[in-house]
Amino acid sequence: MGEKRESTVEMLVGNNDWVIRKENGIKYGYHITQCMFSSGNINERRRMGEIVTENEIVVDLFCGIGYYTLPILMKDNVKHVYSCEWNINAIKALKFNLDNNNVKIKCTILEGDNRVTTNGLENIADRVLLGLLPTAEESYNVALKCLKEEGGVLHIHGLAPSGNHQVFLSETTEKLLKINLNYKIINCKINKIKSYAPHWDHLVLDIEIGKNNS
């Protein structure tokens, strides 16, 4: 719950809430009473590990305990990942997970509000992840700022009516182009992650953005 996506799990028996979840060869450690974990996003976590190409620089604007940061780093072809998070409990778990999976050398953690902590990442990223529900709209401008001048790919999570995924895509691309007129949309892909609520789906938009030379 809340803007920092804090867990509402309550321990009824025992006093140790620390767990390590193993998924696709990755070990995710976290306190279940402090951090959330969505098992329904398993395919998207795997996809993020497979989609990043060699020597890319990635900015993960809402990294949590490393849901997408870890799969990307585990493939070992990424150049560097900048992982943004403001929940102190998630940051503690992220630091443990980077160390426990032996991938911390290629990751920089930026602690705090990504609208502030990314000020030094202008024109640096080949790919930016916006993995926040129900919307990451407040950081659209951050994502575009982080992209390299020639463009890159945004992975934007959000919600859409089950019968009309296109509305999320059209509204999102329109908002992005209003933020930065120097970019244009080259390609878009809609990925359904899971059902979120009755008649609503969790989607991820892969939006390829290029420089507008017109």
N, C-alpha and C. Protein backbone atom coordinates (compact mmCIF):
# COMPACT_ATOMS: atom_id res chain seq x y z
N MET A 1 0.83 -1.19 0.00
CA MET A 1 0.00 0.00 0.00
C MET A 1 0.87 1.25 0.00
N GLY A 2 0.26 2.36 -0.46
CA GLY A 2 0.95 3.64 -0.40
C GLY A 2 1.92 3.86 -1.54
N GLU A 3 2.47 5.07 -1.60
CA GLU A 3 3.36 5.43 -2.70
C GLU A 3 4.67 4.66 -2.68
N LYS A 4 5.03 4.10 -1.51
CA LYS A 4 6.26 3.32 -1.42
C LYS A 4 6.00 1.82 -1.48
N ARG A 5 4.78 1.42 -1.87
CA ARG A 5 4.41 0.02 -2.11
C ARG A 5 4.82 -0.88 -0.94
N GLU A 6 4.42 -0.48 0.27
CA GLU A 6 4.79 -1.23 1.47
C GLU A 6 3.86 -2.41 1.68
N SER A 7 4.40 -3.51 2.19
CA SER A 7 3.65 -4.73 2.41
C SER A 7 2.66 -4.57 3.55
N THR A 8 1.55 -5.32 3.46
CA THR A 8 0.58 -5.36 4.56
C THR A 8 0.52 -6.74 5.20
N VAL A 9 1.51 -7.58 4.90
CA VAL A 9 1.56 -8.93 5.48
C VAL A 9 1.78 -8.84 6.99
N GLU A 10 1.04 -9.65 7.73
CA GLU A 10 1.20 -9.71 9.19
C GLU A 10 1.64 -11.11 9.60
N MET A 11 2.66 -11.19 10.41
CA MET A 11 3.14 -12.48 10.91
C MET A 11 2.21 -12.96 12.02
N LEU A 12 1.65 -14.17 11.83
CA LEU A 12 0.77 -14.75 12.85
C LEU A 12 1.51 -15.78 13.70
N VAL A 13 2.49 -16.45 13.10
CA VAL A 13 3.28 -17.45 13.81
C VAL A 13 4.75 -17.20 13.52
N GLY A 14 5.59 -17.21 14.56
CA GLY A 14 7.01 -17.01 14.36
C GLY A 14 7.38 -15.54 14.38
N ASN A 15 8.68 -15.27 14.31
CA ASN A 15 9.14 -13.88 14.37
C ASN A 15 10.19 -13.57 13.31
N ASN A 16 10.40 -14.46 12.35
CA ASN A 16 11.37 -14.23 11.29
C ASN A 16 10.64 -14.10 9.96
N ASP A 17 10.59 -12.88 9.42
CA ASP A 17 9.85 -12.64 8.18
C ASP A 17 10.74 -12.60 6.95
N TRP A 18 12.01 -12.95 7.09
CA TRP A 18 12.94 -12.92 5.97
C TRP A 18 12.80 -14.18 5.13
N VAL A 19 12.64 -14.01 3.82
CA VAL A 19 12.52 -15.15 2.91
C VAL A 19 13.47 -14.94 1.74
N ILE A 20 13.85 -16.03 1.10
CA ILE A 20 14.59 -15.97 -0.16
C ILE A 20 13.82 -16.77 -1.19
N ARG A 21 13.36 -16.09 -2.21
CA ARG A 21 12.59 -16.71 -3.28
C ARG A 21 13.52 -16.94 -4.46
N LYS A 22 13.59 -18.19 -4.93
CA LYS A 22 14.43 -18.50 -6.09
C LYS A 22 13.56 -18.62 -7.33
N GLU A 23 13.94 -17.87 -8.37
CA GLU A 23 13.14 -17.80 -9.59
C GLU A 23 14.06 -17.63 -10.79
N ASN A 24 13.98 -18.53 -11.75
CA ASN A 24 14.83 -18.45 -12.94
C ASN A 24 16.31 -18.35 -12.59
N GLY A 25 16.71 -19.03 -11.52
CA GLY A 25 18.11 -19.03 -11.11
C GLY A 25 18.54 -17.82 -10.32
N ILE A 26 17.59 -16.93 -10.01
CA ILE A 26 17.87 -15.70 -9.28
C ILE A 26 17.31 -15.82 -7.87
N LYS A 27 18.06 -15.36 -6.88
CA LYS A 27 17.62 -15.41 -5.49
C LYS A 27 17.19 -14.02 -5.04
N TYR A 28 15.90 -13.89 -4.74
CA TYR A 28 15.33 -12.64 -4.26
C TYR A 28 15.10 -12.74 -2.76
N GLY A 29 15.89 -12.02 -1.98
CA GLY A 29 15.70 -11.99 -0.54
C GLY A 29 14.96 -10.73 -0.12
N TYR A 30 14.03 -10.86 0.82
CA TYR A 30 13.29 -9.69 1.29
C TYR A 30 12.51 -10.04 2.55
N HIS A 31 12.12 -9.03 3.31
CA HIS A 31 11.24 -9.19 4.46
C HIS A 31 9.79 -9.11 3.97
N ILE A 32 9.02 -10.18 4.16
CA ILE A 32 7.66 -10.21 3.59
C ILE A 32 6.71 -9.23 4.28
N THR A 33 7.06 -8.76 5.47
CA THR A 33 6.22 -7.76 6.14
C THR A 33 6.60 -6.34 5.74
N GLN A 34 7.65 -6.19 4.94
CA GLN A 34 8.14 -4.85 4.59
C GLN A 34 8.12 -4.58 3.09
N CYS A 35 8.26 -5.61 2.27
CA CYS A 35 8.37 -5.43 0.82
C CYS A 35 7.36 -6.31 0.10
N MET A 36 6.92 -5.84 -1.07
CA MET A 36 5.98 -6.62 -1.86
C MET A 36 6.71 -7.48 -2.89
N PHE A 37 6.03 -8.53 -3.36
CA PHE A 37 6.57 -9.36 -4.44
C PHE A 37 5.39 -9.92 -5.22
N SER A 38 5.36 -9.64 -6.53
CA SER A 38 4.26 -10.11 -7.37
C SER A 38 4.68 -11.34 -8.16
N SER A 39 4.15 -12.49 -7.78
CA SER A 39 4.49 -13.73 -8.50
C SER A 39 3.94 -13.71 -9.91
N GLY A 40 2.91 -12.91 -10.16
CA GLY A 40 2.30 -12.85 -11.49
C GLY A 40 3.16 -12.17 -12.53
N ASN A 41 4.25 -11.53 -12.10
CA ASN A 41 5.13 -10.83 -13.04
C ASN A 41 6.32 -11.67 -13.47
N ILE A 42 6.28 -12.98 -13.22
CA ILE A 42 7.43 -13.84 -13.45
C ILE A 42 7.90 -13.81 -14.91
N ASN A 43 6.97 -13.83 -15.85
CA ASN A 43 7.36 -13.85 -17.27
C ASN A 43 7.99 -12.53 -17.69
N GLU A 44 7.51 -11.42 -17.10
CA GLU A 44 8.09 -10.12 -17.43
C GLU A 44 9.49 -9.99 -16.86
N ARG A 45 9.72 -10.54 -15.68
CA ARG A 45 11.06 -10.52 -15.11
C ARG A 45 12.02 -11.31 -16.00
N ARG A 46 11.56 -12.46 -16.48
CA ARG A 46 12.40 -13.26 -17.38
C ARG A 46 12.65 -12.51 -18.68
N ARG A 47 11.61 -11.87 -19.22
CA ARG A 47 11.73 -11.15 -20.49
C ARG A 47 12.74 -10.02 -20.39
N MET A 48 12.73 -9.30 -19.29
CA MET A 48 13.67 -8.20 -19.13
C MET A 48 15.11 -8.71 -19.13
N GLY A 49 15.31 -9.89 -18.60
CA GLY A 49 16.65 -10.47 -18.61
C GLY A 49 17.10 -10.88 -20.00
N GLU A 50 16.15 -11.14 -20.87
CA GLU A 50 16.47 -11.61 -22.22
C GLU A 50 16.52 -10.50 -23.25
N ILE A 51 15.85 -9.38 -22.98
CA ILE A 51 15.66 -8.36 -24.01
C ILE A 51 16.83 -7.38 -24.12
N VAL A 52 17.57 -7.20 -23.03
CA VAL A 52 18.66 -6.24 -23.03
C VAL A 52 19.84 -6.76 -23.86
N THR A 53 20.36 -5.94 -24.74
CA THR A 53 21.45 -6.35 -25.61
C THR A 53 22.80 -5.91 -25.03
N GLU A 54 23.86 -6.36 -25.66
CA GLU A 54 25.21 -6.16 -25.13
C GLU A 54 25.57 -4.68 -25.02
N ASN A 55 26.21 -4.36 -23.90
CA ASN A 55 26.76 -3.02 -23.62
C ASN A 55 25.71 -1.93 -23.48
N GLU A 56 24.47 -2.29 -23.21
CA GLU A 56 23.45 -1.27 -22.96
C GLU A 56 23.60 -0.69 -21.55
N ILE A 57 23.20 0.56 -21.43
CA ILE A 57 23.05 1.19 -20.12
C ILE A 57 21.56 1.30 -19.83
N VAL A 58 21.16 0.78 -18.67
CA VAL A 58 19.75 0.70 -18.31
C VAL A 58 19.49 1.53 -17.05
N VAL A 59 18.39 2.26 -17.05
CA VAL A 59 17.93 2.94 -15.85
C VAL A 59 16.61 2.32 -15.41
N ASP A 60 16.58 1.79 -14.20
CA ASP A 60 15.38 1.18 -13.62
C ASP A 60 14.84 2.17 -12.60
N LEU A 61 13.75 2.86 -12.95
CA LEU A 61 13.27 3.97 -12.14
C LEU A 61 12.53 3.54 -10.89
N PHE A 62 12.04 2.32 -10.85
CA PHE A 62 11.29 1.83 -9.68
C PHE A 62 11.74 0.40 -9.39
N CYS A 63 12.96 0.24 -8.93
CA CYS A 63 13.58 -1.09 -8.94
C CYS A 63 13.13 -1.99 -7.80
N GLY A 64 12.62 -1.45 -6.68
CA GLY A 64 12.23 -2.30 -5.57
C GLY A 64 13.39 -3.13 -5.06
N ILE A 65 13.16 -4.41 -4.85
CA ILE A 65 14.21 -5.30 -4.35
C ILE A 65 15.07 -5.85 -5.48
N GLY A 66 14.79 -5.38 -6.70
CA GLY A 66 15.57 -5.83 -7.86
C GLY A 66 14.80 -6.70 -8.82
N TYR A 67 13.47 -6.53 -8.86
CA TYR A 67 12.61 -7.38 -9.67
C TYR A 67 13.10 -7.50 -11.12
N TYR A 68 13.46 -6.39 -11.74
CA TYR A 68 13.94 -6.39 -13.12
C TYR A 68 15.44 -6.12 -13.20
N THR A 69 15.96 -5.39 -12.25
CA THR A 69 17.40 -5.13 -12.20
C THR A 69 18.19 -6.44 -12.15
N LEU A 70 17.78 -7.36 -11.30
CA LEU A 70 18.53 -8.61 -11.13
C LEU A 70 18.54 -9.48 -12.39
N PRO A 71 17.39 -9.73 -13.04
CA PRO A 71 17.44 -10.54 -14.28
C PRO A 71 18.32 -9.92 -15.36
N ILE A 72 18.31 -8.59 -15.45
CA ILE A 72 19.15 -7.92 -16.44
C ILE A 72 20.62 -8.13 -16.12
N LEU A 73 20.98 -7.95 -14.87
CA LEU A 73 22.38 -8.11 -14.47
C LEU A 73 22.86 -9.54 -14.56
N MET A 74 21.98 -10.49 -14.32
CA MET A 74 22.38 -11.90 -14.32
C MET A 74 22.79 -12.39 -15.71
N LYS A 75 22.28 -11.74 -16.76
CA LYS A 75 22.66 -12.13 -18.12
C LYS A 75 24.07 -11.68 -18.48
N ASP A 76 24.59 -10.72 -17.72
CA ASP A 76 26.00 -10.31 -17.78
C ASP A 76 26.41 -9.68 -19.11
N ASN A 77 25.45 -9.23 -19.93
CA ASN A 77 25.84 -8.54 -21.16
C ASN A 77 25.56 -7.04 -21.08
N VAL A 78 24.88 -6.62 -20.02
CA VAL A 78 24.58 -5.20 -19.85
C VAL A 78 25.85 -4.47 -19.42
N LYS A 79 25.98 -3.22 -19.82
CA LYS A 79 27.15 -2.43 -19.43
C LYS A 79 27.00 -1.92 -18.00
N HIS A 80 25.81 -1.35 -17.68
CA HIS A 80 25.58 -0.87 -16.32
C HIS A 80 24.08 -0.64 -16.11
N VAL A 81 23.65 -0.83 -14.87
CA VAL A 81 22.26 -0.57 -14.49
C VAL A 81 22.25 0.44 -13.35
N TYR A 82 21.45 1.50 -13.53
CA TYR A 82 21.23 2.47 -12.47
C TYR A 82 19.85 2.18 -11.88
N SER A 83 19.82 1.80 -10.62
CA SER A 83 18.59 1.34 -9.98
C SER A 83 18.09 2.36 -8.97
N CYS A 84 16.89 2.89 -9.21
CA CYS A 84 16.32 3.94 -8.37
C CYS A 84 15.27 3.36 -7.43
N GLU A 85 15.32 3.76 -6.17
CA GLU A 85 14.34 3.29 -5.19
C GLU A 85 14.32 4.23 -3.99
N TRP A 86 13.13 4.43 -3.39
CA TRP A 86 13.04 5.31 -2.22
C TRP A 86 12.50 4.62 -0.98
N ASN A 87 12.12 3.36 -1.10
CA ASN A 87 11.70 2.59 0.08
C ASN A 87 12.94 1.99 0.73
N ILE A 88 13.27 2.43 1.95
CA ILE A 88 14.51 2.02 2.58
C ILE A 88 14.58 0.51 2.81
N ASN A 89 13.43 -0.12 3.06
CA ASN A 89 13.41 -1.57 3.26
C ASN A 89 13.71 -2.31 1.97
N ALA A 90 13.18 -1.79 0.86
CA ALA A 90 13.48 -2.39 -0.45
C ALA A 90 14.95 -2.19 -0.81
N ILE A 91 15.50 -1.05 -0.46
CA ILE A 91 16.91 -0.78 -0.75
C ILE A 91 17.82 -1.75 0.01
N LYS A 92 17.49 -2.00 1.27
CA LYS A 92 18.29 -2.95 2.05
C LYS A 92 18.25 -4.34 1.41
N ALA A 93 17.06 -4.75 0.97
CA ALA A 93 16.93 -6.05 0.30
C ALA A 93 17.67 -6.07 -1.02
N LEU A 94 17.59 -4.97 -1.77
CA LEU A 94 18.29 -4.87 -3.05
C LEU A 94 19.79 -5.03 -2.87
N LYS A 95 20.35 -4.37 -1.86
CA LYS A 95 21.78 -4.47 -1.62
C LYS A 95 22.17 -5.91 -1.29
N PHE A 96 21.36 -6.58 -0.49
CA PHE A 96 21.61 -7.99 -0.19
C PHE A 96 21.55 -8.83 -1.46
N ASN A 97 20.54 -8.59 -2.30
CA ASN A 97 20.34 -9.40 -3.50
C ASN A 97 21.45 -9.20 -4.53
N LEU A 98 21.92 -7.98 -4.67
CA LEU A 98 23.03 -7.73 -5.59
C LEU A 98 24.27 -8.49 -5.15
N ASP A 99 24.52 -8.49 -3.85
CA ASP A 99 25.68 -9.18 -3.31
C ASP A 99 25.49 -10.69 -3.36
N ASN A 100 24.31 -11.16 -3.00
CA ASN A 100 24.04 -12.60 -2.91
C ASN A 100 24.03 -13.26 -4.29
N ASN A 101 23.71 -12.48 -5.32
CA ASN A 101 23.72 -13.01 -6.70
C ASN A 101 25.00 -12.66 -7.45
N ASN A 102 25.93 -12.01 -6.75
CA ASN A 102 27.24 -11.67 -7.32
C ASN A 102 27.15 -10.78 -8.56
N VAL A 103 26.30 -9.75 -8.50
CA VAL A 103 26.13 -8.87 -9.66
C VAL A 103 26.25 -7.39 -9.30
N LYS A 104 26.74 -7.07 -8.13
CA LYS A 104 26.73 -5.68 -7.69
C LYS A 104 27.72 -4.79 -8.44
N ILE A 105 28.71 -5.37 -9.09
CA ILE A 105 29.76 -4.58 -9.72
C ILE A 105 29.23 -3.71 -10.87
N LYS A 106 28.14 -4.13 -11.51
CA LYS A 106 27.60 -3.38 -12.64
C LYS A 106 26.34 -2.59 -12.27
N CYS A 107 26.11 -2.38 -10.99
CA CYS A 107 24.89 -1.69 -10.57
C CYS A 107 25.21 -0.53 -9.64
N THR A 108 24.54 0.60 -9.89
CA THR A 108 24.61 1.75 -9.01
C THR A 108 23.21 2.01 -8.46
N ILE A 109 23.07 2.04 -7.14
CA ILE A 109 21.79 2.30 -6.50
C ILE A 109 21.65 3.80 -6.24
N LEU A 110 20.55 4.37 -6.69
CA LEU A 110 20.24 5.77 -6.44
C LEU A 110 19.08 5.83 -5.45
N GLU A 111 19.39 6.21 -4.22
CA GLU A 111 18.40 6.18 -3.14
C GLU A 111 17.64 7.50 -3.06
N GLY A 112 16.30 7.39 -3.12
CA GLY A 112 15.47 8.59 -3.03
C GLY A 112 14.52 8.71 -4.21
N ASP A 113 13.89 9.85 -4.34
CA ASP A 113 12.92 10.15 -5.40
C ASP A 113 13.65 10.24 -6.73
N ASN A 114 13.25 9.40 -7.70
CA ASN A 114 13.97 9.39 -8.99
C ASN A 114 13.85 10.70 -9.75
N ARG A 115 12.90 11.53 -9.39
CA ARG A 115 12.78 12.85 -10.03
C ARG A 115 13.91 13.77 -9.61
N VAL A 116 14.61 13.38 -8.55
CA VAL A 116 15.75 14.13 -8.04
C VAL A 116 17.06 13.39 -8.27
N THR A 117 17.07 12.09 -7.96
CA THR A 117 18.32 11.32 -7.97
C THR A 117 18.87 11.09 -9.36
N THR A 118 18.05 11.26 -10.40
CA THR A 118 18.51 11.03 -11.78
C THR A 118 19.07 12.28 -12.44
N ASN A 119 19.23 13.34 -11.68
CA ASN A 119 19.71 14.60 -12.28
C ASN A 119 21.06 14.45 -12.97
N GLY A 120 21.86 13.48 -12.55
CA GLY A 120 23.16 13.28 -13.18
C GLY A 120 23.15 12.24 -14.28
N LEU A 121 21.96 11.77 -14.68
CA LEU A 121 21.88 10.69 -15.67
C LEU A 121 21.30 11.16 -17.01
N GLU A 122 21.41 12.42 -17.29
CA GLU A 122 20.85 12.95 -18.54
C GLU A 122 21.58 12.40 -19.75
N ASN A 123 20.79 11.95 -20.76
CA ASN A 123 21.32 11.44 -22.03
C ASN A 123 22.28 10.26 -21.84
N ILE A 124 21.94 9.34 -20.96
CA ILE A 124 22.86 8.24 -20.67
C ILE A 124 22.30 6.86 -21.02
N ALA A 125 20.97 6.70 -21.05
CA ALA A 125 20.37 5.37 -21.09
C ALA A 125 19.96 4.91 -22.49
N ASP A 126 20.20 3.63 -22.74
CA ASP A 126 19.66 2.98 -23.94
C ASP A 126 18.25 2.47 -23.69
N ARG A 127 17.94 2.24 -22.40
CA ARG A 127 16.66 1.63 -22.03
C ARG A 127 16.27 2.11 -20.63
N VAL A 128 15.00 2.46 -20.47
CA VAL A 128 14.51 2.90 -19.17
C VAL A 128 13.27 2.08 -18.79
N LEU A 129 13.27 1.59 -17.55
CA LEU A 129 12.16 0.79 -17.04
C LEU A 129 11.31 1.64 -16.10
N LEU A 130 9.99 1.62 -16.34
CA LEU A 130 9.05 2.35 -15.49
C LEU A 130 8.04 1.36 -14.92
N GLY A 131 8.48 0.55 -13.98
CA GLY A 131 7.69 -0.55 -13.45
C GLY A 131 6.88 -0.18 -12.23
N LEU A 132 5.94 0.75 -12.38
CA LEU A 132 5.12 1.19 -11.25
C LEU A 132 3.64 1.17 -11.62
N LEU A 133 2.85 0.58 -10.74
CA LEU A 133 1.39 0.59 -10.91
C LEU A 133 0.76 1.41 -9.79
N PRO A 134 -0.38 2.06 -10.06
CA PRO A 134 -1.17 1.98 -11.29
C PRO A 134 -0.60 2.81 -12.44
N THR A 135 0.29 3.76 -12.15
CA THR A 135 0.86 4.56 -13.23
C THR A 135 2.23 5.12 -12.83
N ALA A 136 3.08 5.26 -13.82
CA ALA A 136 4.40 5.88 -13.61
C ALA A 136 4.47 7.23 -14.30
N GLU A 137 3.32 7.82 -14.56
CA GLU A 137 3.24 9.04 -15.37
C GLU A 137 4.08 10.18 -14.82
N GLU A 138 4.18 10.30 -13.51
CA GLU A 138 4.94 11.41 -12.92
C GLU A 138 6.43 11.34 -13.23
N SER A 139 6.89 10.20 -13.73
CA SER A 139 8.30 10.05 -14.08
C SER A 139 8.53 9.87 -15.58
N TYR A 140 7.51 10.15 -16.40
CA TYR A 140 7.70 10.09 -17.85
C TYR A 140 8.80 11.07 -18.28
N ASN A 141 8.77 12.26 -17.72
CA ASN A 141 9.77 13.25 -18.09
C ASN A 141 11.17 12.83 -17.63
N VAL A 142 11.24 12.13 -16.50
CA VAL A 142 12.51 11.61 -16.01
C VAL A 142 13.07 10.59 -17.00
N ALA A 143 12.20 9.69 -17.46
CA ALA A 143 12.63 8.65 -18.40
C ALA A 143 13.17 9.25 -19.68
N LEU A 144 12.48 10.24 -20.22
CA LEU A 144 12.93 10.88 -21.46
C LEU A 144 14.23 11.65 -21.25
N LYS A 145 14.38 12.24 -20.08
CA LYS A 145 15.63 12.94 -19.76
C LYS A 145 16.81 11.98 -19.73
N CYS A 146 16.57 10.76 -19.22
CA CYS A 146 17.65 9.77 -19.09
C CYS A 146 18.04 9.15 -20.42
N LEU A 147 17.11 9.07 -21.37
CA LEU A 147 17.41 8.47 -22.66
C LEU A 147 18.53 9.21 -23.38
N LYS A 148 19.32 8.45 -24.14
CA LYS A 148 20.35 9.08 -24.96
C LYS A 148 19.71 10.01 -25.97
N GLU A 149 20.48 10.97 -26.43
CA GLU A 149 19.96 11.99 -27.34
C GLU A 149 19.37 11.37 -28.61
N GLU A 150 19.98 10.25 -29.06
CA GLU A 150 19.46 9.60 -30.26
C GLU A 150 18.26 8.72 -29.99
N GLY A 151 17.89 8.56 -28.71
CA GLY A 151 16.71 7.78 -28.35
C GLY A 151 17.03 6.46 -27.69
N GLY A 152 16.01 5.64 -27.55
CA GLY A 152 16.16 4.34 -26.89
C GLY A 152 14.79 3.72 -26.70
N VAL A 153 14.67 2.86 -25.69
CA VAL A 153 13.42 2.12 -25.45
C VAL A 153 12.93 2.39 -24.04
N LEU A 154 11.63 2.66 -23.92
CA LEU A 154 10.97 2.77 -22.63
C LEU A 154 10.09 1.54 -22.43
N HIS A 155 10.10 1.00 -21.21
CA HIS A 155 9.20 -0.10 -20.84
C HIS A 155 8.28 0.45 -19.76
N ILE A 156 7.05 0.80 -20.15
CA ILE A 156 6.13 1.52 -19.27
C ILE A 156 5.01 0.60 -18.81
N HIS A 157 4.93 0.38 -17.50
CA HIS A 157 3.86 -0.42 -16.91
C HIS A 157 2.64 0.46 -16.67
N GLY A 158 1.46 -0.15 -16.76
CA GLY A 158 0.23 0.58 -16.49
C GLY A 158 -0.98 -0.32 -16.58
N LEU A 159 -2.15 0.27 -16.43
CA LEU A 159 -3.41 -0.47 -16.45
C LEU A 159 -4.27 -0.01 -17.61
N ALA A 160 -5.03 -0.97 -18.17
CA ALA A 160 -5.93 -0.65 -19.27
C ALA A 160 -7.16 -1.54 -19.19
N PRO A 161 -8.28 -1.07 -19.73
CA PRO A 161 -9.46 -1.93 -19.77
C PRO A 161 -9.17 -3.21 -20.56
N SER A 162 -9.69 -4.32 -20.08
CA SER A 162 -9.40 -5.61 -20.72
C SER A 162 -9.78 -5.64 -22.19
N GLY A 163 -10.80 -4.90 -22.57
CA GLY A 163 -11.25 -4.92 -23.95
C GLY A 163 -10.68 -3.82 -24.81
N ASN A 164 -9.79 -2.99 -24.24
CA ASN A 164 -9.27 -1.86 -25.02
C ASN A 164 -7.86 -1.51 -24.55
N HIS A 165 -6.89 -2.34 -24.90
CA HIS A 165 -5.50 -2.06 -24.54
C HIS A 165 -4.95 -0.87 -25.30
N GLN A 166 -5.51 -0.62 -26.46
CA GLN A 166 -4.99 0.43 -27.33
C GLN A 166 -5.11 1.81 -26.71
N VAL A 167 -6.09 1.99 -25.83
CA VAL A 167 -6.29 3.31 -25.22
C VAL A 167 -5.11 3.69 -24.35
N PHE A 168 -4.53 2.72 -23.66
CA PHE A 168 -3.36 2.99 -22.83
C PHE A 168 -2.17 3.39 -23.69
N LEU A 169 -2.00 2.70 -24.81
CA LEU A 169 -0.89 3.00 -25.71
C LEU A 169 -1.04 4.39 -26.31
N SER A 170 -2.20 4.72 -26.83
CA SER A 170 -2.39 6.00 -27.49
C SER A 170 -2.25 7.16 -26.50
N GLU A 171 -2.81 7.01 -25.31
CA GLU A 171 -2.71 8.08 -24.31
C GLU A 171 -1.26 8.27 -23.85
N THR A 172 -0.54 7.16 -23.69
CA THR A 172 0.84 7.24 -23.21
C THR A 172 1.75 7.88 -24.24
N THR A 173 1.65 7.46 -25.48
CA THR A 173 2.51 8.04 -26.52
C THR A 173 2.22 9.53 -26.72
N GLU A 174 0.96 9.90 -26.60
CA GLU A 174 0.60 11.32 -26.73
C GLU A 174 1.24 12.15 -25.62
N LYS A 175 1.23 11.64 -24.40
CA LYS A 175 1.83 12.35 -23.27
C LYS A 175 3.34 12.45 -23.42
N LEU A 176 3.98 11.39 -23.90
CA LEU A 176 5.43 11.41 -24.08
C LEU A 176 5.86 12.45 -25.09
N LEU A 177 5.14 12.52 -26.20
CA LEU A 177 5.51 13.46 -27.26
C LEU A 177 5.28 14.91 -26.85
N LYS A 178 4.36 15.14 -25.95
CA LYS A 178 4.14 16.50 -25.45
C LYS A 178 5.27 16.95 -24.54
N ILE A 179 5.91 15.99 -23.88
CA ILE A 179 6.99 16.31 -22.95
C ILE A 179 8.25 16.74 -23.70
N ASN A 180 8.58 16.00 -24.76
CA ASN A 180 9.82 16.28 -25.49
C ASN A 180 9.57 16.22 -26.99
N LEU A 181 9.55 17.37 -27.61
CA LEU A 181 9.27 17.46 -29.04
C LEU A 181 10.46 17.03 -29.89
N ASN A 182 11.61 16.79 -29.26
CA ASN A 182 12.79 16.37 -30.02
C ASN A 182 12.78 14.88 -30.34
N TYR A 183 11.81 14.17 -29.78
CA TYR A 183 11.71 12.73 -30.01
C TYR A 183 10.49 12.39 -30.87
N LYS A 184 10.55 11.23 -31.49
CA LYS A 184 9.40 10.68 -32.20
C LYS A 184 9.27 9.20 -31.85
N ILE A 185 8.05 8.66 -31.99
CA ILE A 185 7.80 7.25 -31.72
C ILE A 185 8.14 6.44 -32.96
N ILE A 186 9.04 5.48 -32.81
CA ILE A 186 9.44 4.64 -33.94
C ILE A 186 8.65 3.34 -33.98
N ASN A 187 8.48 2.74 -32.80
CA ASN A 187 7.79 1.45 -32.76
C ASN A 187 7.17 1.26 -31.38
N CYS A 188 6.04 0.53 -31.32
CA CYS A 188 5.37 0.26 -30.05
C CYS A 188 4.91 -1.19 -30.00
N LYS A 189 4.95 -1.77 -28.83
CA LYS A 189 4.44 -3.12 -28.63
C LYS A 189 3.72 -3.19 -27.29
N ILE A 190 2.56 -3.83 -27.28
CA ILE A 190 1.78 -4.00 -26.07
C ILE A 190 1.99 -5.41 -25.53
N ASN A 191 2.36 -5.53 -24.27
CA ASN A 191 2.56 -6.83 -23.63
C ASN A 191 1.60 -6.95 -22.45
N LYS A 192 0.74 -7.95 -22.47
CA LYS A 192 -0.14 -8.20 -21.33
C LYS A 192 0.61 -9.02 -20.29
N ILE A 193 0.66 -8.53 -19.07
CA ILE A 193 1.36 -9.23 -17.99
C ILE A 193 0.41 -10.14 -17.23
N LYS A 194 -0.72 -9.59 -16.82
CA LYS A 194 -1.69 -10.39 -16.07
C LYS A 194 -2.98 -9.60 -15.92
N SER A 195 -4.02 -10.28 -15.47
CA SER A 195 -5.25 -9.60 -15.08
C SER A 195 -5.00 -8.91 -13.75
N TYR A 196 -5.38 -7.64 -13.66
CA TYR A 196 -5.11 -6.85 -12.46
C TYR A 196 -6.33 -6.78 -11.54
N ALA A 197 -7.48 -6.63 -12.15
CA ALA A 197 -8.76 -6.54 -11.44
C ALA A 197 -9.84 -6.88 -12.45
N PRO A 198 -11.08 -7.09 -12.01
CA PRO A 198 -12.15 -7.38 -12.98
C PRO A 198 -12.19 -6.33 -14.10
N HIS A 199 -12.00 -6.80 -15.33
CA HIS A 199 -12.08 -5.97 -16.53
C HIS A 199 -10.89 -5.02 -16.70
N TRP A 200 -9.82 -5.24 -15.93
CA TRP A 200 -8.61 -4.43 -16.06
C TRP A 200 -7.38 -5.32 -16.14
N ASP A 201 -6.45 -4.95 -17.03
CA ASP A 201 -5.23 -5.72 -17.22
C ASP A 201 -3.99 -4.89 -16.90
N HIS A 202 -2.97 -5.58 -16.43
CA HIS A 202 -1.64 -4.99 -16.23
C HIS A 202 -0.87 -5.17 -17.53
N LEU A 203 -0.45 -4.07 -18.13
CA LEU A 203 0.26 -4.08 -19.41
C LEU A 203 1.65 -3.48 -19.25
N VAL A 204 2.52 -3.84 -20.18
CA VAL A 204 3.80 -3.14 -20.34
C VAL A 204 3.92 -2.72 -21.79
N LEU A 205 4.18 -1.44 -21.99
CA LEU A 205 4.38 -0.92 -23.34
C LEU A 205 5.88 -0.85 -23.63
N ASP A 206 6.30 -1.48 -24.71
CA ASP A 206 7.68 -1.31 -25.20
C ASP A 206 7.61 -0.21 -26.26
N ILE A 207 8.13 0.96 -25.93
CA ILE A 207 8.05 2.11 -26.82
C ILE A 207 9.46 2.51 -27.27
N GLU A 208 9.73 2.32 -28.55
CA GLU A 208 11.02 2.71 -29.10
C GLU A 208 10.93 4.16 -29.56
N ILE A 209 11.87 4.96 -29.09
CA ILE A 209 11.85 6.39 -29.36
C ILE A 209 13.13 6.80 -30.09
N GLY A 210 12.98 7.62 -31.10
CA GLY A 210 14.12 8.11 -31.86
C GLY A 210 14.14 9.62 -31.92
N LYS A 211 15.19 10.16 -32.46
CA LYS A 211 15.33 11.60 -32.57
C LYS A 211 14.47 12.13 -33.69
N ASN A 212 13.77 13.22 -33.42
CA ASN A 212 12.93 13.86 -34.42
C ASN A 212 13.76 14.86 -35.21
N ASN A 213 14.04 14.53 -36.46
CA ASN A 213 14.89 15.38 -37.30
C ASN A 213 14.12 16.35 -38.17
N SER A 214 12.80 16.33 -38.02
CA SER A 214 11.96 17.20 -38.88
C SER A 214 12.01 18.64 -38.41
